[in-house]
Amino acid sequence: GSVKTYKRLKKEFPENSIKRRDCIKS
């Protein structure tokens, strides 16, 4: 449910540390 949000943020805010991880333990 967060794939599009991730891609959109990555494109619009490249200066931030935005990453997808295998697991974020939540």
PDB file of all heavy atoms in Angstrom:
ATOM      1  N   GLY A   1       0.780  -1.227   0.000  1.00  0.00           N
ATOM      2  CA  GLY A   1       0.000   0.000   0.000  1.00  0.00           C
ATOM      3  C   GLY A   1       0.811   1.275   0.000  1.00  0.00           C
ATOM      4  O   GLY A   1       0.247   2.360   0.075  1.00  0.00           O
ATOM      5  N   SER A   2       2.136   1.179  -0.104  1.00  0.00           N
ATOM      6  CA  SER A   2       2.954   2.389  -0.047  1.00  0.00           C
ATOM      7  C   SER A   2       3.882   2.564  -1.252  1.00  0.00           C
ATOM      8  O   SER A   2       4.684   3.494  -1.276  1.00  0.00           O
ATOM      9  CB  SER A   2       3.785   2.391   1.238  1.00  0.00           C
ATOM     10  OG  SER A   2       4.690   1.306   1.241  1.00  0.00           O
ATOM     11  N   VAL A   3       3.764   1.730  -2.255  1.00  0.00           N
ATOM     12  CA  VAL A   3       4.680   1.767  -3.397  1.00  0.00           C
ATOM     13  C   VAL A   3       4.613   3.104  -4.141  1.00  0.00           C
ATOM     14  O   VAL A   3       5.636   3.727  -4.423  1.00  0.00           O
ATOM     15  CB  VAL A   3       4.405   0.585  -4.359  1.00  0.00           C
ATOM     16  CG1 VAL A   3       5.269   0.684  -5.602  1.00  0.00           C
ATOM     17  CG2 VAL A   3       4.635  -0.732  -3.649  1.00  0.00           C
ATOM     18  N   LYS A   4       3.414   3.552  -4.463  1.00  0.00           N
ATOM     19  CA  LYS A   4       3.264   4.815  -5.204  1.00  0.00           C
ATOM     20  C   LYS A   4       3.737   6.002  -4.374  1.00  0.00           C
ATOM     21  O   LYS A   4       4.350   6.926  -4.895  1.00  0.00           O
ATOM     22  CB  LYS A   4       1.811   5.016  -5.626  1.00  0.00           C
ATOM     23  CG  LYS A   4       1.358   4.049  -6.687  1.00  0.00           C
ATOM     24  CD  LYS A   4      -0.103   4.268  -7.033  1.00  0.00           C
ATOM     25  CE  LYS A   4      -0.599   3.195  -7.981  1.00  0.00           C
ATOM     26  NZ  LYS A   4      -2.039   3.315  -8.214  1.00  0.00           N
ATOM     27  N   THR A   5       3.454   5.962  -3.067  1.00  0.00           N
ATOM     28  CA  THR A   5       3.890   7.045  -2.181  1.00  0.00           C
ATOM     29  C   THR A   5       5.415   7.118  -2.150  1.00  0.00           C
ATOM     30  O   THR A   5       5.995   8.194  -2.243  1.00  0.00           O
ATOM     31  CB  THR A   5       3.345   6.834  -0.758  1.00  0.00           C
ATOM     32  OG1 THR A   5       1.921   6.774  -0.822  1.00  0.00           O
ATOM     33  CG2 THR A   5       3.765   7.962   0.164  1.00  0.00           C
ATOM     34  N   TYR A   6       6.058   5.956  -2.040  1.00  0.00           N
ATOM     35  CA  TYR A   6       7.516   5.903  -2.043  1.00  0.00           C
ATOM     36  C   TYR A   6       8.082   6.529  -3.316  1.00  0.00           C
ATOM     37  O   TYR A   6       8.949   7.401  -3.260  1.00  0.00           O
ATOM     38  CB  TYR A   6       7.996   4.457  -1.906  1.00  0.00           C
ATOM     39  CG  TYR A   6       9.448   4.275  -2.267  1.00  0.00           C
ATOM     40  CD1 TYR A   6      10.451   4.678  -1.401  1.00  0.00           C
ATOM     41  CD2 TYR A   6       9.819   3.741  -3.495  1.00  0.00           C
ATOM     42  CE1 TYR A   6      11.783   4.534  -1.744  1.00  0.00           C
ATOM     43  CE2 TYR A   6      11.143   3.594  -3.845  1.00  0.00           C
ATOM     44  CZ  TYR A   6      12.124   3.989  -2.965  1.00  0.00           C
ATOM     45  OH  TYR A   6      13.441   3.862  -3.312  1.00  0.00           O
ATOM     46  N   LYS A   7       7.579   6.105  -4.471  1.00  0.00           N
ATOM     47  CA  LYS A   7       8.087   6.614  -5.741  1.00  0.00           C
ATOM     48  C   LYS A   7       7.848   8.114  -5.885  1.00  0.00           C
ATOM     49  O   LYS A   7       8.722   8.843  -6.358  1.00  0.00           O
ATOM     50  CB  LYS A   7       7.434   5.864  -6.905  1.00  0.00           C
ATOM     51  CG  LYS A   7       7.908   4.435  -7.021  1.00  0.00           C
ATOM     52  CD  LYS A   7       7.222   3.708  -8.152  1.00  0.00           C
ATOM     53  CE  LYS A   7       7.686   2.272  -8.241  1.00  0.00           C
ATOM     54  NZ  LYS A   7       7.008   1.542  -9.328  1.00  0.00           N
ATOM     55  N   ARG A   8       6.685   8.564  -5.464  1.00  0.00           N
ATOM     56  CA  ARG A   8       6.343   9.993  -5.562  1.00  0.00           C
ATOM     57  C   ARG A   8       7.256  10.848  -4.673  1.00  0.00           C
ATOM     58  O   ARG A   8       7.778  11.874  -5.105  1.00  0.00           O
ATOM     59  CB  ARG A   8       4.879  10.172  -5.162  1.00  0.00           C
ATOM     60  CG  ARG A   8       4.333  11.544  -5.366  1.00  0.00           C
ATOM     61  CD  ARG A   8       2.846  11.517  -5.096  1.00  0.00           C
ATOM     62  NE  ARG A   8       2.289  12.862  -5.108  1.00  0.00           N
ATOM     63  CZ  ARG A   8       1.054  13.150  -4.767  1.00  0.00           C
ATOM     64  NH1 ARG A   8       0.231  12.186  -4.395  1.00  0.00           N
ATOM     65  NH2 ARG A   8       0.624  14.392  -4.794  1.00  0.00           N
ATOM     66  N   LEU A   9       7.455  10.417  -3.441  1.00  0.00           N
ATOM     67  CA  LEU A   9       8.331  11.162  -2.524  1.00  0.00           C
ATOM     68  C   LEU A   9       9.773  11.154  -3.014  1.00  0.00           C
ATOM     69  O   LEU A   9      10.464  12.174  -2.936  1.00  0.00           O
ATOM     70  CB  LEU A   9       8.252  10.569  -1.118  1.00  0.00           C
ATOM     71  CG  LEU A   9       6.955  10.806  -0.364  1.00  0.00           C
ATOM     72  CD1 LEU A   9       6.913   9.931   0.879  1.00  0.00           C
ATOM     73  CD2 LEU A   9       6.808  12.272   0.010  1.00  0.00           C
ATOM     74  N   LYS A  10      10.230  10.019  -3.494  1.00  0.00           N
ATOM     75  CA  LYS A  10      11.605   9.889  -4.000  1.00  0.00           C
ATOM     76  C   LYS A  10      11.848  10.870  -5.146  1.00  0.00           C
ATOM     77  O   LYS A  10      12.904  11.500  -5.215  1.00  0.00           O
ATOM     78  CB  LYS A  10      11.820   8.442  -4.461  1.00  0.00           C
ATOM     79  CG  LYS A  10      13.221   8.088  -4.730  1.00  0.00           C
ATOM     80  CD  LYS A  10      13.913   7.687  -3.462  1.00  0.00           C
ATOM     81  CE  LYS A  10      15.240   7.079  -3.824  1.00  0.00           C
ATOM     82  NZ  LYS A  10      16.242   7.278  -2.834  1.00  0.00           N
ATOM     83  N   LYS A  11      10.851  11.034  -6.015  1.00  0.00           N
ATOM     84  CA  LYS A  11      10.962  11.933  -7.158  1.00  0.00           C
ATOM     85  C   LYS A  11      10.872  13.401  -6.733  1.00  0.00           C
ATOM     86  O   LYS A  11      11.655  14.231  -7.195  1.00  0.00           O
ATOM     87  CB  LYS A  11       9.851  11.614  -8.159  1.00  0.00           C
ATOM     88  CG  LYS A  11       9.876  12.452  -9.402  1.00  0.00           C
ATOM     89  CD  LYS A  11       8.754  12.047 -10.349  1.00  0.00           C
ATOM     90  CE  LYS A  11       8.742  12.940 -11.577  1.00  0.00           C
ATOM     91  NZ  LYS A  11       7.645  12.594 -12.485  1.00  0.00           N
ATOM     92  N   GLU A  12       9.943  13.725  -5.829  1.00  0.00           N
ATOM     93  CA  GLU A  12       9.696  15.115  -5.444  1.00  0.00           C
ATOM     94  C   GLU A  12      10.665  15.646  -4.387  1.00  0.00           C
ATOM     95  O   GLU A  12      10.872  16.853  -4.297  1.00  0.00           O
ATOM     96  CB  GLU A  12       8.261  15.266  -4.938  1.00  0.00           C
ATOM     97  CG  GLU A  12       7.232  15.050  -6.036  1.00  0.00           C
ATOM     98  CD  GLU A  12       5.802  15.128  -5.531  1.00  0.00           C
ATOM     99  OE1 GLU A  12       5.576  15.572  -4.387  1.00  0.00           O
ATOM    100  OE2 GLU A  12       4.905  14.728  -6.296  1.00  0.00           O
ATOM    101  N   PHE A  13      11.239  14.763  -3.585  1.00  0.00           N
ATOM    102  CA  PHE A  13      12.128  15.195  -2.496  1.00  0.00           C
ATOM    103  C   PHE A  13      13.433  14.400  -2.495  1.00  0.00           C
ATOM    104  O   PHE A  13      13.744  13.681  -1.533  1.00  0.00           O
ATOM    105  CB  PHE A  13      11.415  15.042  -1.148  1.00  0.00           C
ATOM    106  CG  PHE A  13      10.161  15.847  -1.035  1.00  0.00           C
ATOM    107  CD1 PHE A  13       8.927  15.263  -1.309  1.00  0.00           C
ATOM    108  CD2 PHE A  13      10.203  17.178  -0.687  1.00  0.00           C
ATOM    109  CE1 PHE A  13       7.755  15.995  -1.229  1.00  0.00           C
ATOM    110  CE2 PHE A  13       9.036  17.926  -0.601  1.00  0.00           C
ATOM    111  CZ  PHE A  13       7.810  17.334  -0.873  1.00  0.00           C
ATOM    112  N   PRO A  14      14.219  14.494  -3.564  1.00  0.00           N
ATOM    113  CA  PRO A  14      15.451  13.694  -3.657  1.00  0.00           C
ATOM    114  C   PRO A  14      16.496  14.035  -2.591  1.00  0.00           C
ATOM    115  O   PRO A  14      17.398  13.238  -2.333  1.00  0.00           O
ATOM    116  CB  PRO A  14      15.969  14.009  -5.063  1.00  0.00           C
ATOM    117  CG  PRO A  14      15.384  15.336  -5.395  1.00  0.00           C
ATOM    118  CD  PRO A  14      14.048  15.388  -4.709  1.00  0.00           C
ATOM    119  N   GLU A  15      16.364  15.186  -1.958  1.00  0.00           N
ATOM    120  CA  GLU A  15      17.332  15.587  -0.946  1.00  0.00           C
ATOM    121  C   GLU A  15      17.149  14.848   0.383  1.00  0.00           C
ATOM    122  O   GLU A  15      18.020  14.881   1.246  1.00  0.00           O
ATOM    123  CB  GLU A  15      17.262  17.105  -0.697  1.00  0.00           C
ATOM    124  CG  GLU A  15      15.986  17.600  -0.046  1.00  0.00           C
ATOM    125  CD  GLU A  15      14.789  17.779  -0.978  1.00  0.00           C
ATOM    126  OE1 GLU A  15      14.882  17.507  -2.186  1.00  0.00           O
ATOM    127  OE2 GLU A  15      13.742  18.186  -0.477  1.00  0.00           O
ATOM    128  N   ASN A  16      16.014  14.174   0.549  1.00  0.00           N
ATOM    129  CA  ASN A  16      15.748  13.420   1.774  1.00  0.00           C
ATOM    130  C   ASN A  16      16.206  11.975   1.624  1.00  0.00           C
ATOM    131  O   ASN A  16      16.309  11.446   0.521  1.00  0.00           O
ATOM    132  CB  ASN A  16      14.247  13.451   2.096  1.00  0.00           C
ATOM    133  CG  ASN A  16      13.816  14.812   2.570  1.00  0.00           C
ATOM    134  OD1 ASN A  16      14.186  15.243   3.644  1.00  0.00           O
ATOM    135  ND2 ASN A  16      13.038  15.502   1.755  1.00  0.00           N
ATOM    136  N   SER A  17      16.449  11.336   2.749  1.00  0.00           N
ATOM    137  CA  SER A  17      16.847   9.933   2.768  1.00  0.00           C
ATOM    138  C   SER A  17      15.582   9.068   2.766  1.00  0.00           C
ATOM    139  O   SER A  17      15.010   8.775   3.815  1.00  0.00           O
ATOM    140  CB  SER A  17      17.691   9.650   4.008  1.00  0.00           C
ATOM    141  OG  SER A  17      18.015   8.287   4.077  1.00  0.00           O
ATOM    142  N   ILE A  18      15.136   8.683   1.569  1.00  0.00           N
ATOM    143  CA  ILE A  18      13.910   7.908   1.401  1.00  0.00           C
ATOM    144  C   ILE A  18      14.295   6.560   0.806  1.00  0.00           C
ATOM    145  O   ILE A  18      14.802   6.501  -0.305  1.00  0.00           O
ATOM    146  CB  ILE A  18      12.917   8.648   0.480  1.00  0.00           C
ATOM    147  CG1 ILE A  18      12.621  10.042   1.039  1.00  0.00           C
ATOM    148  CG2 ILE A  18      11.648   7.830   0.299  1.00  0.00           C
ATOM    149  CD1 ILE A  18      11.869  10.946   0.098  1.00  0.00           C
ATOM    150  N   LYS A  19      14.045   5.495   1.572  1.00  0.00           N
ATOM    151  CA  LYS A  19      14.491   4.172   1.128  1.00  0.00           C
ATOM    152  C   LYS A  19      13.449   3.111   1.416  1.00  0.00           C
ATOM    153  O   LYS A  19      12.657   3.236   2.334  1.00  0.00           O
ATOM    154  CB  LYS A  19      15.793   3.797   1.834  1.00  0.00           C
ATOM    155  CG  LYS A  19      16.920   4.735   1.492  1.00  0.00           C
ATOM    156  CD  LYS A  19      18.190   4.336   2.146  1.00  0.00           C
ATOM    157  CE  LYS A  19      19.279   5.342   1.761  1.00  0.00           C
ATOM    158  NZ  LYS A  19      20.526   5.064   2.398  1.00  0.00           N
ATOM    159  N   ARG A  20      13.494   2.062   0.590  1.00  0.00           N
ATOM    160  CA  ARG A  20      12.683   0.861   0.818  1.00  0.00           C
ATOM    161  C   ARG A  20      13.621  -0.204   1.375  1.00  0.00           C
ATOM    162  O   ARG A  20      14.685  -0.444   0.838  1.00  0.00           O
ATOM    163  CB  ARG A  20      12.047   0.373  -0.475  1.00  0.00           C
ATOM    164  CG  ARG A  20      10.904   1.244  -0.917  1.00  0.00           C
ATOM    165  CD  ARG A  20      10.282   0.750  -2.191  1.00  0.00           C
ATOM    166  NE  ARG A  20       9.747  -0.594  -2.070  1.00  0.00           N
ATOM    167  CZ  ARG A  20       8.455  -0.881  -1.884  1.00  0.00           C
ATOM    168  NH1 ARG A  20       7.598   0.088  -1.823  1.00  0.00           N
ATOM    169  NH2 ARG A  20       8.051  -2.123  -1.786  1.00  0.00           N
ATOM    170  N   ARG A  21      13.199  -0.834   2.437  1.00  0.00           N
ATOM    171  CA  ARG A  21      13.987  -1.885   3.076  1.00  0.00           C
ATOM    172  C   ARG A  21      13.235  -3.208   2.991  1.00  0.00           C
ATOM    173  O   ARG A  21      12.014  -3.227   2.873  1.00  0.00           O
ATOM    174  CB  ARG A  21      14.229  -1.552   4.556  1.00  0.00           C
ATOM    175  CG  ARG A  21      15.005  -0.280   4.753  1.00  0.00           C
ATOM    176  CD  ARG A  21      16.433  -0.526   4.436  1.00  0.00           C
ATOM    177  NE  ARG A  21      17.211   0.670   4.739  1.00  0.00           N
ATOM    178  CZ  ARG A  21      18.312   0.982   4.131  1.00  0.00           C
ATOM    179  NH1 ARG A  21      18.799   0.207   3.194  1.00  0.00           N
ATOM    180  NH2 ARG A  21      18.973   2.061   4.434  1.00  0.00           N
ATOM    181  N   ASP A  22      13.979  -4.293   3.091  1.00  0.00           N
ATOM    182  CA  ASP A  22      13.356  -5.607   3.080  1.00  0.00           C
ATOM    183  C   ASP A  22      12.372  -5.739   4.237  1.00  0.00           C
ATOM    184  O   ASP A  22      11.277  -6.251   4.081  1.00  0.00           O
ATOM    185  CB  ASP A  22      14.418  -6.701   3.151  1.00  0.00           C
ATOM    186  CG  ASP A  22      13.804  -8.081   3.071  1.00  0.00           C
ATOM    187  OD1 ASP A  22      12.952  -8.299   2.181  1.00  0.00           O
ATOM    188  OD2 ASP A  22      14.157  -8.931   3.895  1.00  0.00           O
ATOM    189  N   CYS A  23      12.738  -5.246   5.398  1.00  0.00           N
ATOM    190  CA  CYS A  23      11.862  -5.286   6.569  1.00  0.00           C
ATOM    191  C   CYS A  23      12.233  -4.128   7.490  1.00  0.00           C
ATOM    192  O   CYS A  23      13.421  -3.877   7.715  1.00  0.00           O
ATOM    193  CB  CYS A  23      12.008  -6.606   7.311  1.00  0.00           C
ATOM    194  SG  CYS A  23      10.922  -6.734   8.750  1.00  0.00           S
ATOM    195  N   ILE A  24      11.240  -3.435   8.013  1.00  0.00           N
ATOM    196  CA  ILE A  24      11.518  -2.348   8.958  1.00  0.00           C
ATOM    197  C   ILE A  24      11.006  -2.693  10.352  1.00  0.00           C
ATOM    198  O   ILE A  24      10.831  -1.838  11.192  1.00  0.00           O
ATOM    199  CB  ILE A  24      10.967  -0.985   8.467  1.00  0.00           C
ATOM    200  CG1 ILE A  24       9.482  -1.063   8.154  1.00  0.00           C
ATOM    201  CG2 ILE A  24      11.755  -0.506   7.262  1.00  0.00           C
ATOM    202  CD1 ILE A  24       8.879   0.276   7.742  1.00  0.00           C
ATOM    203  N   LYS A  25      10.743  -4.003  10.554  1.00  0.00           N
ATOM    204  CA  LYS A  25      10.385  -4.561  11.858  1.00  0.00           C
ATOM    205  C   LYS A  25       9.138  -3.934  12.481  1.00  0.00           C
ATOM    206  O   LYS A  25       9.100  -3.642  13.666  1.00  0.00           O
ATOM    207  CB  LYS A  25      11.577  -4.480  12.804  1.00  0.00           C
ATOM    208  CG  LYS A  25      12.759  -5.289  12.299  1.00  0.00           C
ATOM    209  CD  LYS A  25      13.921  -5.210  13.228  1.00  0.00           C
ATOM    210  CE  LYS A  25      15.133  -5.972  12.819  1.00  0.00           C
ATOM    211  NZ  LYS A  25      15.396  -6.391  11.543  1.00  0.00           N
ATOM    212  N   SER A  26       8.133  -3.710  11.655  1.00  0.00           N
ATOM    213  CA  SER A  26       6.831  -3.221  12.120  1.00  0.00           C
ATOM    214  C   SER A  26       5.739  -4.019  11.408  1.00  0.00           C
ATOM    215  O   SER A  26       4.873  -3.461  10.742  1.00  0.00           O
ATOM    216  CB  SER A  26       6.693  -1.729  11.828  1.00  0.00           C
ATOM    217  OG  SER A  26       7.607  -0.985  12.579  1.00  0.00           O
TER     218      SER A  26
END
